[in-house]
Every structure is written in structure tokens, then in C-alpha cells.
PDB file of N, CA and C in Angstrom:
ATOM      1  N   MET A   1       0.816  -1.193   0.000  1.00  0.00           N
ATOM      2  CA  MET A   1       0.000   0.000   0.000  1.00  0.00           C
ATOM      3  C   MET A   1       0.864   1.263   0.000  1.00  0.00           C
ATOM      4  N   ARG A   2       1.920   1.232   0.798  1.00  0.00           N
ATOM      5  CA  ARG A   2       2.748   2.427   0.934  1.00  0.00           C
ATOM      6  C   ARG A   2       3.303   2.883  -0.408  1.00  0.00           C
ATOM      7  N   ASP A   3       3.646   1.940  -1.255  1.00  0.00           N
ATOM      8  CA  ASP A   3       4.246   2.284  -2.544  1.00  0.00           C
ATOM      9  C   ASP A   3       3.309   3.065  -3.453  1.00  0.00           C
ATOM     10  N   ILE A   4       2.000   2.915  -3.273  1.00  0.00           N
ATOM     11  CA  ILE A   4       1.072   3.615  -4.165  1.00  0.00           C
ATOM     12  C   ILE A   4       0.536   4.929  -3.576  1.00  0.00           C
ATOM     13  N   ILE A   5       0.921   5.254  -2.355  1.00  0.00           N
ATOM     14  CA  ILE A   5       0.432   6.499  -1.742  1.00  0.00           C
ATOM     15  C   ILE A   5       0.770   7.725  -2.596  1.00  0.00           C
ATOM     16  N   PRO A   6       1.994   7.857  -3.115  1.00  0.00           N
ATOM     17  CA  PRO A   6       2.254   9.023  -3.977  1.00  0.00           C
ATOM     18  C   PRO A   6       1.307   9.094  -5.179  1.00  0.00           C
ATOM     19  N   ASN A   7       0.988   7.953  -5.768  1.00  0.00           N
ATOM     20  CA  ASN A   7       0.049   7.934  -6.897  1.00  0.00           C
ATOM     21  C   ASN A   7      -1.347   8.355  -6.449  1.00  0.00           C
ATOM     22  N   LEU A   8      -1.761   7.903  -5.289  1.00  0.00           N
ATOM     23  CA  LEU A   8      -3.073   8.296  -4.772  1.00  0.00           C
ATOM     24  C   LEU A   8      -3.137   9.811  -4.578  1.00  0.00           C
ATOM     25  N   ILE A   9      -2.081  10.362  -4.014  1.00  0.00           N
ATOM     26  CA  ILE A   9      -2.018  11.809  -3.788  1.00  0.00           C
ATOM     27  C   ILE A   9      -2.089  12.553  -5.124  1.00  0.00           C
ATOM     28  N   SER A  10      -1.339  12.077  -6.106  1.00  0.00           N
ATOM     29  CA  SER A  10      -1.335  12.764  -7.409  1.00  0.00           C
ATOM     30  C   SER A  10      -2.682  12.650  -8.122  1.00  0.00           C
ATOM     31  N   CYS A  11      -3.466  11.652  -7.762  1.00  0.00           N
ATOM     32  CA  CYS A  11      -4.812  11.498  -8.344  1.00  0.00           C
ATOM     33  C   CYS A  11      -5.855  12.316  -7.591  1.00  0.00           C
ATOM     34  N   GLY A  12      -5.451  12.968  -6.511  1.00  0.00           N
ATOM     35  CA  GLY A  12      -6.382  13.806  -5.774  1.00  0.00           C
ATOM     36  C   GLY A  12      -6.976  13.179  -4.528  1.00  0.00           C
ATOM     37  N   VAL A  13      -6.549  11.981  -4.173  1.00  0.00           N
ATOM     38  CA  VAL A  13      -7.021  11.370  -2.932  1.00  0.00           C
ATOM     39  C   VAL A  13      -6.505  12.212  -1.776  1.00  0.00           C
ATOM     40  N   ASP A  14      -7.395  12.551  -0.840  1.00  0.00           N
ATOM     41  CA  ASP A  14      -6.959  13.418   0.249  1.00  0.00           C
ATOM     42  C   ASP A  14      -7.011  12.762   1.621  1.00  0.00           C
ATOM     43  N   ILE A  15      -7.453  11.500   1.697  1.00  0.00           N
ATOM     44  CA  ILE A  15      -7.442  10.783   2.972  1.00  0.00           C
ATOM     45  C   ILE A  15      -7.217   9.300   2.725  1.00  0.00           C
ATOM     46  N   LEU A  16      -6.413   8.696   3.601  1.00  0.00           N
ATOM     47  CA  LEU A  16      -6.109   7.273   3.519  1.00  0.00           C
ATOM     48  C   LEU A  16      -6.728   6.581   4.718  1.00  0.00           C
ATOM     49  N   GLU A  17      -7.592   5.644   4.435  1.00  0.00           N
ATOM     50  CA  GLU A  17      -8.249   4.860   5.477  1.00  0.00           C
ATOM     51  C   GLU A  17      -8.330   3.428   4.995  1.00  0.00           C
ATOM     52  N   PRO A  18      -7.979   2.436   5.755  1.00  0.00           N
ATOM     53  CA  PRO A  18      -7.547   2.529   7.144  1.00  0.00           C
ATOM     54  C   PRO A  18      -6.031   2.642   7.259  1.00  0.00           C
ATOM     55  N   LEU A  19      -5.613   3.196   8.349  1.00  0.00           N
ATOM     56  CA  LEU A  19      -4.201   3.193   8.721  1.00  0.00           C
ATOM     57  C   LEU A  19      -4.020   1.996   9.642  1.00  0.00           C
ATOM     58  N   GLN A  20      -3.342   0.988   9.151  1.00  0.00           N
ATOM     59  CA  GLN A  20      -3.099  -0.204   9.944  1.00  0.00           C
ATOM     60  C   GLN A  20      -1.602  -0.369  10.103  1.00  0.00           C
ATOM     61  N   LYS A  21      -1.159  -0.511  11.342  1.00  0.00           N
ATOM     62  CA  LYS A  21       0.265  -0.560  11.645  1.00  0.00           C
ATOM     63  C   LYS A  21       0.833  -1.930  11.263  1.00  0.00           C
ATOM     64  N   VAL A  22       1.318  -1.992  10.033  1.00  0.00           N
ATOM     65  CA  VAL A  22       1.962  -3.187   9.501  1.00  0.00           C
ATOM     66  C   VAL A  22       3.277  -2.737   8.866  1.00  0.00           C
ATOM     67  N   PRO A  23       4.177  -3.671   8.585  1.00  0.00           N
ATOM     68  CA  PRO A  23       5.440  -3.268   7.965  1.00  0.00           C
ATOM     69  C   PRO A  23       5.213  -2.410   6.713  1.00  0.00           C
ATOM     70  N   GLY A  24       5.903  -1.275   6.665  1.00  0.00           N
ATOM     71  CA  GLY A  24       5.772  -0.339   5.565  1.00  0.00           C
ATOM     72  C   GLY A  24       4.753   0.759   5.820  1.00  0.00           C
ATOM     73  N   MET A  25       3.910   0.573   6.822  1.00  0.00           N
ATOM     74  CA  MET A  25       2.855   1.550   7.112  1.00  0.00           C
ATOM     75  C   MET A  25       3.005   2.105   8.531  1.00  0.00           C
ATOM     76  N   GLU A  26       4.230   2.217   9.005  1.00  0.00           N
ATOM     77  CA  GLU A  26       4.476   2.725  10.339  1.00  0.00           C
ATOM     78  C   GLU A  26       4.026   4.187  10.405  1.00  0.00           C
ATOM     79  N   PRO A  27       3.231   4.533  11.413  1.00  0.00           N
ATOM     80  CA  PRO A  27       2.663   5.887  11.492  1.00  0.00           C
ATOM     81  C   PRO A  27       3.694   7.015  11.420  1.00  0.00           C
ATOM     82  N   ALA A  28       4.777   6.922  12.144  1.00  0.00           N
ATOM     83  CA  ALA A  28       5.757   8.015  12.152  1.00  0.00           C
ATOM     84  C   ALA A  28       6.364   8.226  10.765  1.00  0.00           C
ATOM     85  N   LYS A  29       6.651   7.171  10.078  1.00  0.00           N
ATOM     86  CA  LYS A  29       7.241   7.275   8.740  1.00  0.00           C
ATOM     87  C   LYS A  29       6.218   7.829   7.745  1.00  0.00           C
ATOM     88  N   LEU A  30       4.971   7.354   7.837  1.00  0.00           N
ATOM     89  CA  LEU A  30       3.936   7.879   6.946  1.00  0.00           C
ATOM     90  C   LEU A  30       3.728   9.377   7.153  1.00  0.00           C
ATOM     91  N   LYS A  31       3.669   9.774   8.418  1.00  0.00           N
ATOM     92  CA  LYS A  31       3.459  11.192   8.721  1.00  0.00           C
ATOM     93  C   LYS A  31       4.626  12.028   8.206  1.00  0.00           C
ATOM     94  N   LYS A  32       5.828  11.529   8.398  1.00  0.00           N
ATOM     95  CA  LYS A  32       7.021  12.250   7.926  1.00  0.00           C
ATOM     96  C   LYS A  32       7.017  12.378   6.407  1.00  0.00           C
ATOM     97  N   ASP A  33       6.690  11.306   5.721  1.00  0.00           N
ATOM     98  CA  ASP A  33       6.789  11.286   4.261  1.00  0.00           C
ATOM     99  C   ASP A  33       5.591  11.931   3.556  1.00  0.00           C
ATOM    100  N   PHE A  34       4.396  11.831   4.163  1.00  0.00           N
ATOM    101  CA  PHE A  34       3.200  12.262   3.444  1.00  0.00           C
ATOM    102  C   PHE A  34       2.322  13.245   4.213  1.00  0.00           C
ATOM    103  N   GLY A  35       2.691  13.567   5.452  1.00  0.00           N
ATOM    104  CA  GLY A  35       1.906  14.521   6.225  1.00  0.00           C
ATOM    105  C   GLY A  35       1.822  15.851   5.484  1.00  0.00           C
ATOM    106  N   GLY A  36       0.668  16.459   5.502  1.00  0.00           N
ATOM    107  CA  GLY A  36       0.456  17.699   4.772  1.00  0.00           C
ATOM    108  C   GLY A  36      -0.013  17.482   3.346  1.00  0.00           C
ATOM    109  N   GLN A  37       0.127  16.259   2.845  1.00  0.00           N
ATOM    110  CA  GLN A  37      -0.333  15.931   1.498  1.00  0.00           C
ATOM    111  C   GLN A  37      -1.592  15.070   1.517  1.00  0.00           C
ATOM    112  N   ILE A  38      -1.751  14.314   2.588  1.00  0.00           N
ATOM    113  CA  ILE A  38      -2.880  13.403   2.719  1.00  0.00           C
ATOM    114  C   ILE A  38      -3.183  13.250   4.206  1.00  0.00           C
ATOM    115  N   ALA A  39      -4.452  13.109   4.534  1.00  0.00           N
ATOM    116  CA  ALA A  39      -4.852  12.862   5.918  1.00  0.00           C
ATOM    117  C   ALA A  39      -4.922  11.352   6.150  1.00  0.00           C
ATOM    118  N   PHE A  40      -4.863  10.974   7.395  1.00  0.00           N
ATOM    119  CA  PHE A  40      -4.897   9.554   7.758  1.00  0.00           C
ATOM    120  C   PHE A  40      -6.026   9.304   8.741  1.00  0.00           C
ATOM    121  N   GLN A  41      -6.613   8.113   8.638  1.00  0.00           N
ATOM    122  CA  GLN A  41      -7.674   7.708   9.556  1.00  0.00           C
ATOM    123  C   GLN A  41      -7.373   6.303  10.054  1.00  0.00           C
ATOM    124  N   GLY A  42      -7.469   6.105  11.362  1.00  0.00           N
ATOM    125  CA  GLY A  42      -7.279   4.775  11.932  1.00  0.00           C
ATOM    126  C   GLY A  42      -5.993   4.661  12.710  1.00  0.00           C
ATOM    127  N   GLY A  43      -5.495   3.440  12.788  1.00  0.00           N
ATOM    128  CA  GLY A  43      -4.203   3.202  13.407  1.00  0.00           C
ATOM    129  C   GLY A  43      -4.224   2.435  14.715  1.00  0.00           C
ATOM    130  N   VAL A  44      -5.374   2.362  15.382  1.00  0.00           N
ATOM    131  CA  VAL A  44      -5.434   1.611  16.638  1.00  0.00           C
ATOM    132  C   VAL A  44      -5.710   0.152  16.272  1.00  0.00           C
ATOM    133  N   ASP A  45      -4.764  -0.701  16.574  1.00  0.00           N
ATOM    134  CA  ASP A  45      -4.740  -2.102  16.130  1.00  0.00           C
ATOM    135  C   ASP A  45      -5.964  -2.904  16.568  1.00  0.00           C
ATOM    136  N   THR A  46      -6.664  -3.459  15.585  1.00  0.00           N
ATOM    137  CA  THR A  46      -7.855  -4.274  15.871  1.00  0.00           C
ATOM    138  C   THR A  46      -7.558  -5.765  15.882  1.00  0.00           C
ATOM    139  N   GLN A  47      -6.348  -6.158  15.512  1.00  0.00           N
ATOM    140  CA  GLN A  47      -6.044  -7.583  15.452  1.00  0.00           C
ATOM    141  C   GLN A  47      -5.511  -8.133  16.770  1.00  0.00           C
ATOM    142  N   ASN A  48      -4.724  -7.334  17.470  1.00  0.00           N
ATOM    143  CA  ASN A  48      -4.126  -7.818  18.716  1.00  0.00           C
ATOM    144  C   ASN A  48      -4.430  -6.911  19.905  1.00  0.00           C
ATOM    145  N   LEU A  49      -4.108  -5.628  19.756  1.00  0.00           N
ATOM    146  CA  LEU A  49      -4.230  -4.709  20.888  1.00  0.00           C
ATOM    147  C   LEU A  49      -5.664  -4.602  21.403  1.00  0.00           C
ATOM    148  N   LEU A  50      -6.589  -4.260  20.544  1.00  0.00           N
ATOM    149  CA  LEU A  50      -7.961  -4.032  21.013  1.00  0.00           C
ATOM    150  C   LEU A  50      -8.628  -5.288  21.574  1.00  0.00           C
ATOM    151  N   PRO A  51      -8.538  -6.442  20.917  1.00  0.00           N
ATOM    152  CA  PRO A  51      -9.217  -7.595  21.491  1.00  0.00           C
ATOM    153  C   PRO A  51      -8.500  -8.217  22.690  1.00  0.00           C
ATOM    154  N   PHE A  52      -7.171  -8.111  22.743  1.00  0.00           N
ATOM    155  CA  PHE A  52      -6.419  -8.845  23.764  1.00  0.00           C
ATOM    156  C   PHE A  52      -5.663  -7.972  24.758  1.00  0.00           C
ATOM    157  N   GLY A  53      -5.506  -6.684  24.475  1.00  0.00           N
ATOM    158  CA  GLY A  53      -4.746  -5.803  25.361  1.00  0.00           C
ATOM    159  C   GLY A  53      -5.566  -5.341  26.556  1.00  0.00           C
ATOM    160  N   LYS A  54      -4.864  -4.830  27.532  1.00  0.00           N
ATOM    161  CA  LYS A  54      -5.514  -4.211  28.694  1.00  0.00           C
ATOM    162  C   LYS A  54      -5.876  -2.777  28.320  1.00  0.00           C
ATOM    163  N   SER A  55      -6.882  -2.229  28.959  1.00  0.00           N
ATOM    164  CA  SER A  55      -7.337  -0.883  28.615  1.00  0.00           C
ATOM    165  C   SER A  55      -6.214   0.146  28.777  1.00  0.00           C
ATOM    166  N   GLU A  56      -5.312  -0.055  29.749  1.00  0.00           N
ATOM    167  CA  GLU A  56      -4.194   0.868  29.926  1.00  0.00           C
ATOM    168  C   GLU A  56      -3.257   0.825  28.720  1.00  0.00           C
ATOM    169  N   GLU A  57      -3.052  -0.365  28.163  1.00  0.00           N
ATOM    170  CA  GLU A  57      -2.213  -0.503  26.969  1.00  0.00           C
ATOM    171  C   GLU A  57      -2.870   0.164  25.766  1.00  0.00           C
ATOM    172  N   VAL A  58      -4.179  -0.017  25.652  1.00  0.00           N
ATOM    173  CA  VAL A  58      -4.918   0.605  24.552  1.00  0.00           C
ATOM    174  C   VAL A  58      -4.806   2.115  24.646  1.00  0.00           C
ATOM    175  N   ARG A  59      -5.014   2.654  25.836  1.00  0.00           N
ATOM    176  CA  ARG A  59      -4.928   4.104  26.018  1.00  0.00           C
ATOM    177  C   ARG A  59      -3.531   4.614  25.681  1.00  0.00           C
ATOM    178  N   ALA A  60      -2.496   3.937  26.160  1.00  0.00           N
ATOM    179  CA  ALA A  60      -1.116   4.381  25.908  1.00  0.00           C
ATOM    180  C   ALA A  60      -0.786   4.342  24.415  1.00  0.00           C
ATOM    181  N   GLU A  61      -1.167   3.280  23.738  1.00  0.00           N
ATOM    182  CA  GLU A  61      -0.886   3.176  22.298  1.00  0.00           C
ATOM    183  C   GLU A  61      -1.693   4.207  21.507  1.00  0.00           C
ATOM    184  N   THR A  62      -2.929   4.426  21.902  1.00  0.00           N
ATOM    185  CA  THR A  62      -3.753   5.431  21.227  1.00  0.00           C
ATOM    186  C   THR A  62      -3.143   6.815  21.399  1.00  0.00           C
ATOM    187  N   GLU A  63      -2.709   7.150  22.598  1.00  0.00           N
ATOM    188  CA  GLU A  63      -2.057   8.445  22.826  1.00  0.00           C
ATOM    189  C   GLU A  63      -0.802   8.574  21.966  1.00  0.00           C
ATOM    190  N   HIS A  64      -0.042   7.505  21.869  1.00  0.00           N
ATOM    191  CA  HIS A  64       1.179   7.511  21.048  1.00  0.00           C
ATOM    192  C   HIS A  64       0.842   7.781  19.583  1.00  0.00           C
ATOM    193  N   ILE A  65      -0.176   7.114  19.065  1.00  0.00           N
ATOM    194  CA  ILE A  65      -0.574   7.310  17.668  1.00  0.00           C
ATOM    195  C   ILE A  65      -1.049   8.743  17.448  1.00  0.00           C
ATOM    196  N   ILE A  66      -1.841   9.267  18.375  1.00  0.00           N
ATOM    197  CA  ILE A  66      -2.318  10.643  18.237  1.00  0.00           C
ATOM    198  C   ILE A  66      -1.147  11.618  18.233  1.00  0.00           C
ATOM    199  N   GLU A  67      -0.192  11.422  19.144  1.00  0.00           N
ATOM    200  CA  GLU A  67       0.968  12.313  19.214  1.00  0.00           C
ATOM    201  C   GLU A  67       1.714  12.359  17.884  1.00  0.00           C
ATOM    202  N   ILE A  68       1.855  11.215  17.247  1.00  0.00           N
ATOM    203  CA  ILE A  68       2.569  11.149  15.967  1.00  0.00           C
ATOM    204  C   ILE A  68       1.723  11.717  14.837  1.00  0.00           C
ATOM    205  N   MET A  69       0.506  11.215  14.717  1.00  0.00           N
ATOM    206  CA  MET A  69      -0.289  11.474  13.514  1.00  0.00           C
ATOM    207  C   MET A  69      -0.986  12.830  13.516  1.00  0.00           C
ATOM    208  N   ASN A  70      -1.208  13.416  14.670  1.00  0.00           N
ATOM    209  CA  ASN A  70      -1.966  14.662  14.696  1.00  0.00           C
ATOM    210  C   ASN A  70      -1.076  15.905  14.679  1.00  0.00           C
ATOM    211  N   GLN A  71       0.222  15.736  14.500  1.00  0.00           N
ATOM    212  CA  GLN A  71       1.092  16.898  14.375  1.00  0.00           C
ATOM    213  C   GLN A  71       0.671  17.677  13.132  1.00  0.00           C
ATOM    214  N   ASP A  72       0.308  18.917  13.319  1.00  0.00           N
ATOM    215  CA  ASP A  72      -0.159  19.774  12.224  1.00  0.00           C
ATOM    216  C   ASP A  72      -1.458  19.274  11.598  1.00  0.00           C
ATOM    217  N   GLY A  73      -2.240  18.528  12.346  1.00  0.00           N
ATOM    218  CA  GLY A  73      -3.539  18.070  11.857  1.00  0.00           C
ATOM    219  C   GLY A  73      -3.415  16.920  10.877  1.00  0.00           C
ATOM    220  N   GLY A  74      -4.527  16.621  10.222  1.00  0.00           N
ATOM    221  CA  GLY A  74      -4.512  15.572   9.217  1.00  0.00           C
ATOM    222  C   GLY A  74      -4.684  14.173   9.755  1.00  0.00           C
ATOM    223  N   TYR A  75      -5.370  14.046  10.894  1.00  0.00           N
ATOM    224  CA  TYR A  75      -5.575  12.718  11.463  1.00  0.00           C
ATOM    225  C   TYR A  75      -6.982  12.605  12.025  1.00  0.00           C
ATOM    226  N   ILE A  76      -7.619  11.463  11.739  1.00  0.00           N
ATOM    227  CA  ILE A  76      -8.925  11.123  12.300  1.00  0.00           C
ATOM    228  C   ILE A  76      -8.738   9.886  13.161  1.00  0.00           C
ATOM    229  N   LEU A  77      -9.012  10.025  14.448  1.00  0.00           N
ATOM    230  CA  LEU A  77      -8.836   8.933  15.390  1.00  0.00           C
ATOM    231  C   LEU A  77      -9.915   7.874  15.204  1.00  0.00           C
ATOM    232  N   CYS A  78      -9.483   6.643  15.056  1.00  0.00           N
ATOM    233  CA  CYS A  78     -10.368   5.476  15.104  1.00  0.00           C
ATOM    234  C   CYS A  78      -9.498   4.226  15.029  1.00  0.00           C
ATOM    235  N   SER A  79     -10.147   3.098  15.134  1.00  0.00           N
ATOM    236  CA  SER A  79      -9.418   1.838  15.022  1.00  0.00           C
ATOM    237  C   SER A  79      -9.012   1.616  13.570  1.00  0.00           C
ATOM    238  N   SER A  80      -8.110   0.654  13.369  1.00  0.00           N
ATOM    239  CA  SER A  80      -7.645   0.390  12.013  1.00  0.00           C
ATOM    240  C   SER A  80      -8.718  -0.283  11.161  1.00  0.00           C
ATOM    241  N   GLN A  81      -9.661  -0.911  11.772  1.00  0.00           N
ATOM    242  CA  GLN A  81     -10.824  -1.518  11.113  1.00  0.00           C
ATOM    243  C   GLN A  81     -12.009  -1.320  12.060  1.00  0.00           C
ATOM    244  N   ASP A  82     -13.159  -1.851  11.708  1.00  0.00           N
ATOM    245  CA  ASP A  82     -14.307  -1.755  12.606  1.00  0.00           C
ATOM    246  C   ASP A  82     -14.031  -2.484  13.911  1.00  0.00           C
ATOM    247  N   PHE A  83     -14.659  -2.019  14.989  1.00  0.00           N
ATOM    248  CA  PHE A  83     -14.600  -2.758  16.243  1.00  0.00           C
ATOM    249  C   PHE A  83     -15.406  -4.041  16.065  1.00  0.00           C
ATOM    250  N   GLU A  84     -14.811  -5.157  16.368  1.00  0.00           N
ATOM    251  CA  GLU A  84     -15.489  -6.446  16.251  1.00  0.00           C
ATOM    252  C   GLU A  84     -16.006  -6.878  17.618  1.00  0.00           C
ATOM    253  N   GLY A  85     -16.777  -7.936  17.636  1.00  0.00           N
ATOM    254  CA  GLY A  85     -17.393  -8.420  18.865  1.00  0.00           C
ATOM    255  C   GLY A  85     -16.419  -8.920  19.914  1.00  0.00           C
ATOM    256  N   ASP A  86     -15.168  -9.178  19.526  1.00  0.00           N
ATOM    257  CA  ASP A  86     -14.185  -9.669  20.489  1.00  0.00           C
ATOM    258  C   ASP A  86     -13.459  -8.550  21.228  1.00  0.00           C
ATOM    259  N   VAL A  87     -13.820  -7.294  20.962  1.00  0.00           N
ATOM    260  CA  VAL A  87     -13.166  -6.164  21.621  1.00  0.00           C
ATOM    261  C   VAL A  87     -13.962  -5.803  22.874  1.00  0.00           C
ATOM    262  N   PRO A  88     -13.322  -5.878  24.047  1.00  0.00           N
ATOM    263  CA  PRO A  88     -14.021  -5.490  25.274  1.00  0.00           C
ATOM    264  C   PRO A  88     -14.430  -4.015  25.242  1.00  0.00           C
ATOM    265  N   VAL A  89     -15.582  -3.735  25.790  1.00  0.00           N
ATOM    266  CA  VAL A  89     -16.101  -2.367  25.812  1.00  0.00           C
ATOM    267  C   VAL A  89     -15.102  -1.411  26.463  1.00  0.00           C
ATOM    268  N   GLU A  90     -14.431  -1.848  27.511  1.00  0.00           N
ATOM    269  CA  GLU A  90     -13.478  -0.957  28.189  1.00  0.00           C
ATOM    270  C   GLU A  90     -12.321  -0.564  27.274  1.00  0.00           C
ATOM    271  N   ASN A  91     -11.979  -1.406  26.296  1.00  0.00           N
ATOM    272  CA  ASN A  91     -10.920  -1.035  25.358  1.00  0.00           C
ATOM    273  C   ASN A  91     -11.407  -0.023  24.324  1.00  0.00           C
ATOM    274  N   ILE A  92     -12.655  -0.137  23.930  1.00  0.00           N
ATOM    275  CA  ILE A  92     -13.234   0.871  23.034  1.00  0.00           C
ATOM    276  C   ILE A  92     -13.270   2.223  23.746  1.00  0.00           C
ATOM    277  N   LEU A  93     -13.712   2.202  24.987  1.00  0.00           N
ATOM    278  CA  LEU A  93     -13.758   3.444  25.765  1.00  0.00           C
ATOM    279  C   LEU A  93     -12.360   4.036  25.945  1.00  0.00           C
ATOM    280  N   ALA A  94     -11.360   3.185  26.123  1.00  0.00           N
ATOM    281  CA  ALA A  94      -9.989   3.655  26.311  1.00  0.00           C
ATOM    282  C   ALA A  94      -9.489   4.418  25.086  1.00  0.00           C
ATOM    283  N   VAL A  95      -9.898   3.993  23.890  1.00  0.00           N
ATOM    284  CA  VAL A  95      -9.501   4.706  22.668  1.00  0.00           C
ATOM    285  C   VAL A  95      -9.986   6.145  22.735  1.00  0.00           C
ATOM    286  N   TYR A  96     -11.239   6.318  23.073  1.00  0.00           N
ATOM    287  CA  TYR A  96     -11.815   7.659  23.044  1.00  0.00           C
ATOM    288  C   TYR A  96     -11.497   8.478  24.290  1.00  0.00           C
ATOM    289  N   GLU A  97     -11.165   7.815  25.380  1.00  0.00           N
ATOM    290  CA  GLU A  97     -10.688   8.537  26.558  1.00  0.00           C
ATOM    291  C   GLU A  97      -9.284   9.108  26.299  1.00  0.00           C
ATOM    292  N   ALA A  98      -8.487   8.394  25.522  1.00  0.00           N
ATOM    293  CA  ALA A  98      -7.111   8.848  25.241  1.00  0.00           C
ATOM    294  C   ALA A  98      -7.094  10.186  24.547  1.00  0.00           C
ATOM    295  N   ARG A  99      -8.075  10.469  23.728  1.00  0.00           N
ATOM    296  CA  ARG A  99      -8.102  11.735  22.984  1.00  0.00           C
ATOM    297  C   ARG A  99      -8.233  12.944  23.899  1.00  0.00           C
ATOM    298  N   LYS A 100      -8.793  12.738  25.094  1.00  0.00           N
ATOM    299  CA  LYS A 100      -9.005  13.867  26.004  1.00  0.00           C
ATOM    300  C   LYS A 100      -7.697  14.543  26.401  1.00  0.00           C
ATOM    301  N   LYS A 101      -6.607  13.800  26.347  1.00  0.00           N
ATOM    302  CA  LYS A 101      -5.297  14.366  26.673  1.00  0.00           C
ATOM    303  C   LYS A 101      -4.926  15.475  25.681  1.00  0.00           C
ATOM    304  N   PHE A 102      -5.531  15.473  24.512  1.00  0.00           N
ATOM    305  CA  PHE A 102      -5.134  16.378  23.437  1.00  0.00           C
ATOM    306  C   PHE A 102      -6.143  17.486  23.187  1.00  0.00           C
ATOM    307  N   LEU A 103      -7.152  17.593  24.032  1.00  0.00           N
ATOM    308  CA  LEU A 103      -8.165  18.645  23.869  1.00  0.00           C
ATOM    309  C   LEU A 103      -7.680  19.965  24.419  1.00  0.00           C
TER     310      LEU A 103
END
């Protein structure tokens, strides 16, 4: 996916969703290389962190993603995919509680 981001930008795409933290799609590198050219949505891991992590881990990782991706704007907070039934409610709440640090 990362290899085609410049092409997407040149075609007029202005937001990339989902942002899923996999090799080649590391948030800090994406923000450095494409911040200001395209906005990003997502980034909170739905495969491991949200279903299996503790709410404190979810909050810490969400805060970390916000700190990286929201520099100079261009970020929409959400999970990397839809919340599935295996995600505890307290972890969903932790995602949105983390944003309060940045208000």
C-alpha cells in the first residue's frame, strides 16, 4: 500500500483509510513522508491490541498514535478496522478517553 500512496495523492485522494500498523505503514514514517499531502484515519490495532490488550495498553498506544499522527492536523482517530465483537467495551472506551489528553 505504501508504494502507491504518492500515486493516490497525485490522483487527488486526500485521505487514507484505514491506517493499519503493519510493515511499511508505520505511522511516524507515513506522517514524515506524506503529512500535509494526505490525511490519515485509523491506526489503533484491531487484530491484537484491542481484542487482547488491557485498557491501559490501549490508552497508551492510542495516545502515542495521536501524538505522531496529529502533528499539524490531518488525522482522524479510530481503530484500524471496525470494532469487532471480540473487543471489550473498556478497550473501546480507552480509545476515546485517550483523545481527552489532546483537547
